PDB file of N, CA and C in Angstrom:
ATOM      1  N   MET A   1      70.849  57.415 235.741  1.00  0.00           N
ATOM      2  CA  MET A   1      69.734  56.741 236.569  1.00  0.00           C
ATOM      3  C   MET A   1      70.552  55.973 237.553  1.00  0.00           C
ATOM      4  N   GLN A   2      70.296  56.223 238.779  1.00  0.00           N
ATOM      5  CA  GLN A   2      70.807  55.323 239.996  1.00  0.00           C
ATOM      6  C   GLN A   2      69.893  54.126 240.248  1.00  0.00           C
ATOM      7  N   ARG A   3      70.477  53.054 240.692  1.00  0.00           N
ATOM      8  CA  ARG A   3      69.923  51.839 241.022  1.00  0.00           C
ATOM      9  C   ARG A   3      70.298  51.812 242.447  1.00  0.00           C
ATOM     10  N   VAL A   4      69.271  51.571 243.471  1.00  0.00           N
ATOM     11  CA  VAL A   4      69.477  51.604 244.827  1.00  0.00           C
ATOM     12  C   VAL A   4      68.780  50.480 245.446  1.00  0.00           C
ATOM     13  N   GLY A   5      69.466  49.768 246.152  1.00  0.00           N
ATOM     14  CA  GLY A   5      68.727  48.654 247.040  1.00  0.00           C
ATOM     15  C   GLY A   5      69.111  48.811 248.441  1.00  0.00           C
ATOM     16  N   PHE A   6      67.944  48.461 249.264  1.00  0.00           N
ATOM     17  CA  PHE A   6      68.093  48.587 250.617  1.00  0.00           C
ATOM     18  C   PHE A   6      67.187  47.643 251.365  1.00  0.00           C
ATOM     19  N   VAL A   7      67.690  47.389 252.616  1.00  0.00           N
ATOM     20  CA  VAL A   7      67.163  46.492 253.306  1.00  0.00           C
ATOM     21  C   VAL A   7      66.422  47.265 254.513  1.00  0.00           C
ATOM     22  N   LEU A   8      65.198  46.710 254.975  1.00  0.00           N
ATOM     23  CA  LEU A   8      64.304  47.220 256.268  1.00  0.00           C
ATOM     24  C   LEU A   8      63.962  45.944 256.897  1.00  0.00           C
ATOM     25  N   LYS A   9      63.700  46.178 258.312  1.00  0.00           N
ATOM     26  CA  LYS A   9      62.948  45.139 259.075  1.00  0.00           C
ATOM     27  C   LYS A   9      61.605  45.718 259.502  1.00  0.00           C
ATOM     28  N   ILE A  10      60.787  44.541 259.618  1.00  0.00           N
ATOM     29  CA  ILE A  10      59.422  44.886 260.379  1.00  0.00           C
ATOM     30  C   ILE A  10      59.426  44.015 261.686  1.00  0.00           C
ATOM     31  N   HIS A  11      58.293  44.354 262.579  1.00  0.00           N
ATOM     32  CA  HIS A  11      58.404  43.842 263.716  1.00  0.00           C
ATOM     33  C   HIS A  11      57.768  42.586 263.184  1.00  0.00           C
ATOM     34  N   PRO A  12      58.266  41.341 263.754  1.00  0.00           N
ATOM     35  CA  PRO A  12      57.489  40.110 263.446  1.00  0.00           C
ATOM     36  C   PRO A  12      55.982  40.043 263.674  1.00  0.00           C
ATOM     37  N   GLY A  13      55.364  39.542 262.992  1.00  0.00           N
ATOM     38  CA  GLY A  13      53.606  39.343 263.250  1.00  0.00           C
ATOM     39  C   GLY A  13      53.099  40.429 262.476  1.00  0.00           C
ATOM     40  N   THR A  14      53.701  41.417 261.945  1.00  0.00           N
ATOM     41  CA  THR A  14      53.262  42.610 261.354  1.00  0.00           C
ATOM     42  C   THR A  14      53.233  42.550 259.758  1.00  0.00           C
ATOM     43  N   GLU A  15      53.653  41.340 259.277  1.00  0.00           N
ATOM     44  CA  GLU A  15      53.864  40.988 257.799  1.00  0.00           C
ATOM     45  C   GLU A  15      52.337  41.324 257.020  1.00  0.00           C
ATOM     46  N   LYS A  16      51.493  40.786 257.516  1.00  0.00           N
ATOM     47  CA  LYS A  16      49.948  41.063 256.868  1.00  0.00           C
ATOM     48  C   LYS A  16      49.510  42.662 256.658  1.00  0.00           C
ATOM     49  N   GLU A  17      49.715  43.219 257.867  1.00  0.00           N
ATOM     50  CA  GLU A  17      49.432  44.649 258.279  1.00  0.00           C
ATOM     51  C   GLU A  17      50.176  45.376 257.100  1.00  0.00           C
ATOM     52  N   TYR A  18      51.620  45.080 257.228  1.00  0.00           N
ATOM     53  CA  TYR A  18      52.565  45.833 256.203  1.00  0.00           C
ATOM     54  C   TYR A  18      51.920  45.612 254.485  1.00  0.00           C
ATOM     55  N   GLN A  19      51.595  44.664 254.381  1.00  0.00           N
ATOM     56  CA  GLN A  19      51.022  44.421 252.907  1.00  0.00           C
ATOM     57  C   GLN A  19      49.770  45.074 252.798  1.00  0.00           C
ATOM     58  N   ILE A  20      48.789  44.984 253.870  1.00  0.00           N
ATOM     59  CA  ILE A  20      47.659  45.611 253.578  1.00  0.00           C
ATOM     60  C   ILE A  20      47.784  47.235 253.490  1.00  0.00           C
ATOM     61  N   ARG A  21      48.612  47.861 254.183  1.00  0.00           N
ATOM     62  CA  ARG A  21      48.862  49.203 254.211  1.00  0.00           C
ATOM     63  C   ARG A  21      49.591  49.618 252.619  1.00  0.00           C
ATOM     64  N   HIS A  22      50.341  48.542 252.298  1.00  0.00           N
ATOM     65  CA  HIS A  22      51.041  48.968 250.894  1.00  0.00           C
ATOM     66  C   HIS A  22      50.009  48.661 249.954  1.00  0.00           C
ATOM     67  N   GLN A  23      48.745  48.454 250.047  1.00  0.00           N
ATOM     68  CA  GLN A  23      47.775  48.353 248.897  1.00  0.00           C
ATOM     69  C   GLN A  23      47.139  49.600 248.940  1.00  0.00           C
ATOM     70  N   HIS A  24      47.301  50.317 250.050  1.00  0.00           N
ATOM     71  CA  HIS A  24      46.726  51.749 249.962  1.00  0.00           C
ATOM     72  C   HIS A  24      47.658  53.034 249.980  1.00  0.00           C
ATOM     73  N   VAL A  25      48.745  52.908 249.254  1.00  0.00           N
ATOM     74  CA  VAL A  25      49.638  54.018 249.489  1.00  0.00           C
ATOM     75  C   VAL A  25      48.934  55.372 249.088  1.00  0.00           C
ATOM     76  N   TYR A  26      49.315  56.437 249.936  1.00  0.00           N
ATOM     77  CA  TYR A  26      48.785  57.739 249.584  1.00  0.00           C
ATOM     78  C   TYR A  26      49.286  57.937 248.021  1.00  0.00           C
ATOM     79  N   PRO A  27      48.114  58.495 247.122  1.00  0.00           N
ATOM     80  CA  PRO A  27      48.249  58.791 245.875  1.00  0.00           C
ATOM     81  C   PRO A  27      49.215  60.237 245.871  1.00  0.00           C
ATOM     82  N   GLU A  28      49.027  60.958 246.823  1.00  0.00           N
ATOM     83  CA  GLU A  28      49.979  62.060 246.724  1.00  0.00           C
ATOM     84  C   GLU A  28      51.261  61.829 247.008  1.00  0.00           C
ATOM     85  N   LEU A  29      51.667  60.617 247.819  1.00  0.00           N
ATOM     86  CA  LEU A  29      52.977  60.248 247.903  1.00  0.00           C
ATOM     87  C   LEU A  29      53.556  59.612 246.839  1.00  0.00           C
ATOM     88  N   LEU A  30      52.808  58.948 245.984  1.00  0.00           N
ATOM     89  CA  LEU A  30      53.395  58.593 244.606  1.00  0.00           C
ATOM     90  C   LEU A  30      53.622  59.499 243.913  1.00  0.00           C
ATOM     91  N   ARG A  31      52.876  60.692 243.827  1.00  0.00           N
ATOM     92  CA  ARG A  31      53.225  61.948 243.009  1.00  0.00           C
ATOM     93  C   ARG A  31      54.385  62.555 243.618  1.00  0.00           C
ATOM     94  N   ALA A  32      54.629  62.366 244.832  1.00  0.00           N
ATOM     95  CA  ALA A  32      55.885  63.075 245.153  1.00  0.00           C
ATOM     96  C   ALA A  32      57.040  62.268 244.883  1.00  0.00           C
ATOM     97  N   PHE A  33      57.141  61.049 244.576  1.00  0.00           N
ATOM     98  CA  PHE A  33      57.809  60.085 244.458  1.00  0.00           C
ATOM     99  C   PHE A  33      58.321  60.208 242.950  1.00  0.00           C
ATOM    100  N   LYS A  34      57.538  60.623 242.022  1.00  0.00           N
ATOM    101  CA  LYS A  34      57.705  60.807 240.577  1.00  0.00           C
ATOM    102  C   LYS A  34      58.389  62.182 240.645  1.00  0.00           C
ATOM    103  N   ALA A  35      57.813  63.141 241.382  1.00  0.00           N
ATOM    104  CA  ALA A  35      58.320  64.529 241.416  1.00  0.00           C
ATOM    105  C   ALA A  35      59.834  64.472 241.589  1.00  0.00           C
ATOM    106  N   VAL A  36      60.374  63.879 242.677  1.00  0.00           N
ATOM    107  CA  VAL A  36      61.844  63.798 242.944  1.00  0.00           C
ATOM    108  C   VAL A  36      62.684  62.929 242.125  1.00  0.00           C
ATOM    109  N   GLY A  37      61.965  62.488 241.114  1.00  0.00           N
ATOM    110  CA  GLY A  37      62.870  61.489 240.117  1.00  0.00           C
ATOM    111  C   GLY A  37      62.595  60.101 240.288  1.00  0.00           C
ATOM    112  N   ILE A  38      61.916  59.597 241.215  1.00  0.00           N
ATOM    113  CA  ILE A  38      61.855  57.984 241.432  1.00  0.00           C
ATOM    114  C   ILE A  38      61.026  57.449 240.348  1.00  0.00           C
ATOM    115  N   GLN A  39      61.822  56.630 239.550  1.00  0.00           N
ATOM    116  CA  GLN A  39      60.955  56.174 238.411  1.00  0.00           C
ATOM    117  C   GLN A  39      60.488  54.687 238.493  1.00  0.00           C
ATOM    118  N   THR A  40      61.172  53.973 239.378  1.00  0.00           N
ATOM    119  CA  THR A  40      60.856  52.470 239.769  1.00  0.00           C
ATOM    120  C   THR A  40      61.071  52.291 241.348  1.00  0.00           C
ATOM    121  N   TYR A  41      60.227  51.586 242.076  1.00  0.00           N
ATOM    122  CA  TYR A  41      60.223  51.436 243.358  1.00  0.00           C
ATOM    123  C   TYR A  41      59.464  50.120 243.758  1.00  0.00           C
ATOM    124  N   SER A  42      60.300  49.018 244.208  1.00  0.00           N
ATOM    125  CA  SER A  42      59.660  47.950 244.494  1.00  0.00           C
ATOM    126  C   SER A  42      60.200  47.571 245.747  1.00  0.00           C
ATOM    127  N   ILE A  43      59.236  46.741 246.584  1.00  0.00           N
ATOM    128  CA  ILE A  43      59.484  46.383 247.823  1.00  0.00           C
ATOM    129  C   ILE A  43      59.349  44.912 247.980  1.00  0.00           C
ATOM    130  N   PHE A  44      60.105  44.000 248.158  1.00  0.00           N
ATOM    131  CA  PHE A  44      59.922  42.444 248.280  1.00  0.00           C
ATOM    132  C   PHE A  44      59.992  42.329 249.824  1.00  0.00           C
ATOM    133  N   MET A  45      59.415  41.183 250.062  1.00  0.00           N
ATOM    134  CA  MET A  45      59.188  40.649 251.646  1.00  0.00           C
ATOM    135  C   MET A  45      59.757  39.308 251.842  1.00  0.00           C
ATOM    136  N   TYR A  46      60.432  38.921 252.765  1.00  0.00           N
ATOM    137  CA  TYR A  46      60.799  37.616 252.983  1.00  0.00           C
ATOM    138  C   TYR A  46      60.885  37.524 254.503  1.00  0.00           C
ATOM    139  N   GLY A  47      59.795  36.862 254.987  1.00  0.00           N
ATOM    140  CA  GLY A  47      59.756  36.802 256.429  1.00  0.00           C
ATOM    141  C   GLY A  47      59.444  38.405 256.987  1.00  0.00           C
ATOM    142  N   ASN A  48      60.077  38.846 257.817  1.00  0.00           N
ATOM    143  CA  ASN A  48      60.031  40.279 258.580  1.00  0.00           C
ATOM    144  C   ASN A  48      61.208  41.200 257.835  1.00  0.00           C
ATOM    145  N   THR A  49      61.978  40.698 256.797  1.00  0.00           N
ATOM    146  CA  THR A  49      62.963  41.499 256.261  1.00  0.00           C
ATOM    147  C   THR A  49      62.509  41.765 254.631  1.00  0.00           C
ATOM    148  N   LEU A  50      62.519  43.180 254.607  1.00  0.00           N
ATOM    149  CA  LEU A  50      62.271  43.682 253.213  1.00  0.00           C
ATOM    150  C   LEU A  50      63.336  44.140 252.561  1.00  0.00           C
ATOM    151  N   PHE A  51      63.123  43.985 251.213  1.00  0.00           N
ATOM    152  CA  PHE A  51      64.267  44.527 250.357  1.00  0.00           C
ATOM    153  C   PHE A  51      63.669  45.175 249.343  1.00  0.00           C
ATOM    154  N   ALA A  52      64.054  46.488 249.191  1.00  0.00           N
ATOM    155  CA  ALA A  52      63.661  47.458 248.281  1.00  0.00           C
ATOM    156  C   ALA A  52      64.756  47.803 247.161  1.00  0.00           C
ATOM    157  N   TYR A  53      64.087  48.200 246.083  1.00  0.00           N
ATOM    158  CA  TYR A  53      64.763  48.527 244.898  1.00  0.00           C
ATOM    159  C   TYR A  53      64.199  49.662 244.405  1.00  0.00           C
ATOM    160  N   MET A  54      65.095  50.620 243.987  1.00  0.00           N
ATOM    161  CA  MET A  54      64.682  51.877 243.441  1.00  0.00           C
ATOM    162  C   MET A  54      65.389  52.188 242.320  1.00  0.00           C
ATOM    163  N   GLU A  55      64.988  52.826 241.369  1.00  0.00           N
ATOM    164  CA  GLU A  55      65.599  53.641 240.272  1.00  0.00           C
ATOM    165  C   GLU A  55      65.410  54.998 240.339  1.00  0.00           C
ATOM    166  N   VAL A  56      66.088  55.915 240.264  1.00  0.00           N
ATOM    167  CA  VAL A  56      66.040  57.268 240.607  1.00  0.00           C
ATOM    168  C   VAL A  56      67.087  58.367 240.270  1.00  0.00           C
ATOM    169  N   SER A  57      66.535  59.535 239.787  1.00  0.00           N
ATOM    170  CA  SER A  57      67.748  60.262 239.250  1.00  0.00           C
ATOM    171  C   SER A  57      68.956  60.659 239.979  1.00  0.00           C
ATOM    172  N   ASP A  58      68.558  60.776 241.280  1.00  0.00           N
ATOM    173  CA  ASP A  58      69.688  61.174 242.654  1.00  0.00           C
ATOM    174  C   ASP A  58      69.044  60.669 243.726  1.00  0.00           C
ATOM    175  N   PHE A  59      69.367  59.743 244.291  1.00  0.00           N
ATOM    176  CA  PHE A  59      69.040  59.137 245.416  1.00  0.00           C
ATOM    177  C   PHE A  59      68.977  60.053 246.753  1.00  0.00           C
ATOM    178  N   THR A  60      70.204  60.596 247.035  1.00  0.00           N
ATOM    179  CA  THR A  60      70.425  61.368 248.108  1.00  0.00           C
ATOM    180  C   THR A  60      69.500  62.672 247.925  1.00  0.00           C
ATOM    181  N   GLU A  61      69.448  63.199 246.909  1.00  0.00           N
ATOM    182  CA  GLU A  61      68.318  64.732 246.807  1.00  0.00           C
ATOM    183  C   GLU A  61      67.166  64.158 247.045  1.00  0.00           C
ATOM    184  N   ALA A  62      66.710  62.898 246.097  1.00  0.00           N
ATOM    185  CA  ALA A  62      65.319  62.650 246.449  1.00  0.00           C
ATOM    186  C   ALA A  62      64.735  62.404 247.862  1.00  0.00           C
ATOM    187  N   MET A  63      65.705  61.559 248.688  1.00  0.00           N
ATOM    188  CA  MET A  63      65.643  61.439 250.113  1.00  0.00           C
ATOM    189  C   MET A  63      65.457  62.556 250.771  1.00  0.00           C
ATOM    190  N   GLN A  64      66.355  63.633 250.661  1.00  0.00           N
ATOM    191  CA  GLN A  64      66.380  64.764 251.211  1.00  0.00           C
ATOM    192  C   GLN A  64      65.239  65.554 250.976  1.00  0.00           C
ATOM    193  N   ILE A  65      64.758  65.582 249.824  1.00  0.00           N
ATOM    194  CA  ILE A  65      63.377  66.430 249.598  1.00  0.00           C
ATOM    195  C   ILE A  65      62.164  65.444 250.151  1.00  0.00           C
ATOM    196  N   LEU A  66      62.092  64.295 249.914  1.00  0.00           N
ATOM    197  CA  LEU A  66      61.157  63.520 250.784  1.00  0.00           C
ATOM    198  C   LEU A  66      61.089  63.636 252.167  1.00  0.00           C
ATOM    199  N   SER A  67      62.296  63.780 252.848  1.00  0.00           N
ATOM    200  CA  SER A  67      62.359  63.987 254.361  1.00  0.00           C
ATOM    201  C   SER A  67      61.470  65.216 254.921  1.00  0.00           C
ATOM    202  N   SER A  68      61.377  66.051 254.100  1.00  0.00           N
ATOM    203  CA  SER A  68      60.541  67.281 254.506  1.00  0.00           C
ATOM    204  C   SER A  68      59.248  67.329 253.676  1.00  0.00           C
ATOM    205  N   HIS A  69      58.789  66.623 253.152  1.00  0.00           N
ATOM    206  CA  HIS A  69      57.573  66.465 252.387  1.00  0.00           C
ATOM    207  C   HIS A  69      56.573  66.005 253.520  1.00  0.00           C
ATOM    208  N   PRO A  70      55.452  67.121 253.553  1.00  0.00           N
ATOM    209  CA  PRO A  70      54.085  66.720 254.587  1.00  0.00           C
ATOM    210  C   PRO A  70      53.631  65.245 254.207  1.00  0.00           C
ATOM    211  N   THR A  71      53.522  64.920 253.027  1.00  0.00           N
ATOM    212  CA  THR A  71      52.756  63.347 252.798  1.00  0.00           C
ATOM    213  C   THR A  71      53.692  62.405 253.243  1.00  0.00           C
ATOM    214  N   ASN A  72      54.983  62.424 252.909  1.00  0.00           N
ATOM    215  CA  ASN A  72      55.920  61.603 253.387  1.00  0.00           C
ATOM    216  C   ASN A  72      56.142  61.389 254.836  1.00  0.00           C
ATOM    217  N   LYS A  73      56.184  62.559 255.469  1.00  0.00           N
ATOM    218  CA  LYS A  73      56.127  62.535 257.034  1.00  0.00           C
ATOM    219  C   LYS A  73      54.992  61.807 257.454  1.00  0.00           C
ATOM    220  N   LYS A  74      53.768  62.035 257.012  1.00  0.00           N
ATOM    221  CA  LYS A  74      52.469  61.596 257.376  1.00  0.00           C
ATOM    222  C   LYS A  74      52.872  59.860 257.207  1.00  0.00           C
ATOM    223  N   TRP A  75      53.151  59.577 256.151  1.00  0.00           N
ATOM    224  CA  TRP A  75      53.459  58.045 255.756  1.00  0.00           C
ATOM    225  C   TRP A  75      54.414  57.245 256.628  1.00  0.00           C
ATOM    226  N   GLN A  76      55.503  58.181 257.017  1.00  0.00           N
ATOM    227  CA  GLN A  76      56.398  57.591 257.928  1.00  0.00           C
ATOM    228  C   GLN A  76      55.975  57.300 259.319  1.00  0.00           C
ATOM    229  N   GLU A  77      55.145  58.319 259.877  1.00  0.00           N
ATOM    230  CA  GLU A  77      54.406  58.258 261.089  1.00  0.00           C
ATOM    231  C   GLU A  77      53.509  57.027 261.132  1.00  0.00           C
ATOM    232  N   TYR A  78      52.745  56.916 259.996  1.00  0.00           N
ATOM    233  CA  TYR A  78      51.823  55.996 259.979  1.00  0.00           C
ATOM    234  C   TYR A  78      52.370  54.764 259.852  1.00  0.00           C
ATOM    235  N   MET A  79      53.749  54.323 259.283  1.00  0.00           N
ATOM    236  CA  MET A  79      54.486  53.106 259.170  1.00  0.00           C
ATOM    237  C   MET A  79      55.350  52.884 260.800  1.00  0.00           C
ATOM    238  N   ALA A  80      55.565  53.913 261.444  1.00  0.00           N
ATOM    239  CA  ALA A  80      56.591  53.617 262.442  1.00  0.00           C
ATOM    240  C   ALA A  80      56.270  52.597 263.460  1.00  0.00           C
ATOM    241  N   ASP A  81      54.912  52.051 263.669  1.00  0.00           N
ATOM    242  CA  ASP A  81      54.732  51.178 264.470  1.00  0.00           C
ATOM    243  C   ASP A  81      54.968  49.751 264.088  1.00  0.00           C
ATOM    244  N   ILE A  82      55.275  49.714 262.757  1.00  0.00           N
ATOM    245  CA  ILE A  82      55.613  48.432 262.092  1.00  0.00           C
ATOM    246  C   ILE A  82      57.240  48.343 261.832  1.00  0.00           C
ATOM    247  N   LEU A  83      57.882  49.480 261.358  1.00  0.00           N
ATOM    248  CA  LEU A  83      59.243  49.360 260.896  1.00  0.00           C
ATOM    249  C   LEU A  83      60.166  49.481 262.399  1.00  0.00           C
ATOM    250  N   MET A  84      61.184  48.491 262.011  1.00  0.00           N
ATOM    251  CA  MET A  84      62.100  48.233 262.976  1.00  0.00           C
ATOM    252  C   MET A  84      63.110  49.257 262.775  1.00  0.00           C
ATOM    253  N   THR A  85      63.810  49.932 264.041  1.00  0.00           N
ATOM    254  CA  THR A  85      64.939  50.859 263.716  1.00  0.00           C
ATOM    255  C   THR A  85      66.160  50.371 264.363  1.00  0.00           C
ATOM    256  N   ASP A  86      67.394  50.852 264.119  1.00  0.00           N
ATOM    257  CA  ASP A  86      68.543  50.410 264.899  1.00  0.00           C
ATOM    258  C   ASP A  86      68.824  51.375 265.879  1.00  0.00           C
ATOM    259  N   GLU A  87      69.970  51.156 266.566  1.00  0.00           N
ATOM    260  CA  GLU A  87      70.396  52.250 267.611  1.00  0.00           C
ATOM    261  C   GLU A  87      70.255  53.530 267.394  1.00  0.00           C
ATOM    262  N   GLN A  88      70.513  53.905 266.185  1.00  0.00           N
ATOM    263  CA  GLN A  88      70.630  55.391 265.572  1.00  0.00           C
ATOM    264  C   GLN A  88      69.251  56.090 265.130  1.00  0.00           C
ATOM    265  N   GLY A  89      68.282  55.011 265.216  1.00  0.00           N
ATOM    266  CA  GLY A  89      67.060  55.194 264.882  1.00  0.00           C
ATOM    267  C   GLY A  89      66.751  55.090 262.998  1.00  0.00           C
ATOM    268  N   ASN A  90      67.651  54.567 262.625  1.00  0.00           N
ATOM    269  CA  ASN A  90      67.540  54.241 261.174  1.00  0.00           C
ATOM    270  C   ASN A  90      66.726  53.092 260.777  1.00  0.00           C
ATOM    271  N   SER A  91      65.925  53.115 259.914  1.00  0.00           N
ATOM    272  CA  SER A  91      65.118  51.953 259.288  1.00  0.00           C
ATOM    273  C   SER A  91      65.712  51.424 258.243  1.00  0.00           C
ATOM    274  N   MET A  92      66.239  52.088 257.583  1.00  0.00           N
ATOM    275  CA  MET A  92      66.695  51.793 256.100  1.00  0.00           C
ATOM    276  C   MET A  92      68.286  51.715 255.964  1.00  0.00           C
ATOM    277  N   HIS A  93      68.613  50.590 255.437  1.00  0.00           N
ATOM    278  CA  HIS A  93      70.098  50.429 255.248  1.00  0.00           C
ATOM    279  C   HIS A  93      70.380  50.220 253.776  1.00  0.00           C
ATOM    280  N   ILE A  94      71.122  50.853 253.245  1.00  0.00           N
ATOM    281  CA  ILE A  94      71.459  50.698 251.747  1.00  0.00           C
ATOM    282  C   ILE A  94      72.489  49.910 251.566  1.00  0.00           C
ATOM    283  N   ILE A  95      72.371  48.828 250.692  1.00  0.00           N
ATOM    284  CA  ILE A  95      73.161  47.645 250.349  1.00  0.00           C
ATOM    285  C   ILE A  95      73.885  47.821 249.199  1.00  0.00           C
ATOM    286  N   PRO A  96      75.089  47.544 248.921  1.00  0.00           N
ATOM    287  CA  PRO A  96      75.780  47.820 247.827  1.00  0.00           C
ATOM    288  C   PRO A  96      75.207  46.786 246.524  1.00  0.00           C
ATOM    289  N   GLU A  97      75.277  47.244 245.306  1.00  0.00           N
ATOM    290  CA  GLU A  97      75.115  46.610 244.075  1.00  0.00           C
ATOM    291  C   GLU A  97      76.355  45.804 243.800  1.00  0.00           C
ATOM    292  N   VAL A  98      76.204  44.524 243.660  1.00  0.00           N
ATOM    293  CA  VAL A  98      77.505  43.602 243.383  1.00  0.00           C
ATOM    294  C   VAL A  98      77.488  43.090 241.991  1.00  0.00           C
ATOM    295  N   PHE A  99      76.246  43.081 241.260  1.00  0.00           N
ATOM    296  CA  PHE A  99      76.047  42.578 240.058  1.00  0.00           C
ATOM    297  C   PHE A  99      75.017  43.188 239.406  1.00  0.00           C
ATOM    298  N   HIS A 100      74.837  43.516 237.917  1.00  0.00           N
ATOM    299  CA  HIS A 100      73.857  44.128 237.309  1.00  0.00           C
ATOM    300  C   HIS A 100      73.924  43.546 235.974  1.00  0.00           C
ATOM    301  N   PHE A 101      72.956  43.090 235.405  1.00  0.00           N
ATOM    302  CA  PHE A 101      72.769  42.616 233.969  1.00  0.00           C
ATOM    303  C   PHE A 101      71.821  43.307 233.250  1.00  0.00           C
ATOM    304  N   HIS A 102      71.919  43.968 232.258  1.00  0.00           N
ATOM    305  CA  HIS A 102      70.760  44.565 231.490  1.00  0.00           C
ATOM    306  C   HIS A 102      70.930  44.211 230.003  1.00  0.00           C
ATOM    307  N   GLY A 103      70.035  43.394 229.697  1.00  0.00           N
ATOM    308  CA  GLY A 103      69.871  42.635 228.363  1.00  0.00           C
ATOM    309  C   GLY A 103      69.338  43.758 227.256  1.00  0.00           C
TER     310      GLY A 103
END
């Protein structure tokens, strides 16, 4: 199982809307997450910075499959007006794990 952390940014002033939209994530998208091996997925918000944590069988494979999944495409289009992207069009930036404790 891989543990993956990544950061995203949303446009200032869209924090409340981001939270509202995530109260109504498409059930089909959640099923797709499970089907690609995502067991845990959490998003934390600090201002307009988001920190996401995921436990997944194979992150690269899961993201590749989801990138062509119709419901994920629909969700990404729905969120595009909120998420900020860099010069290359990326909204997600993986960050390295530097410490882990599991008791």
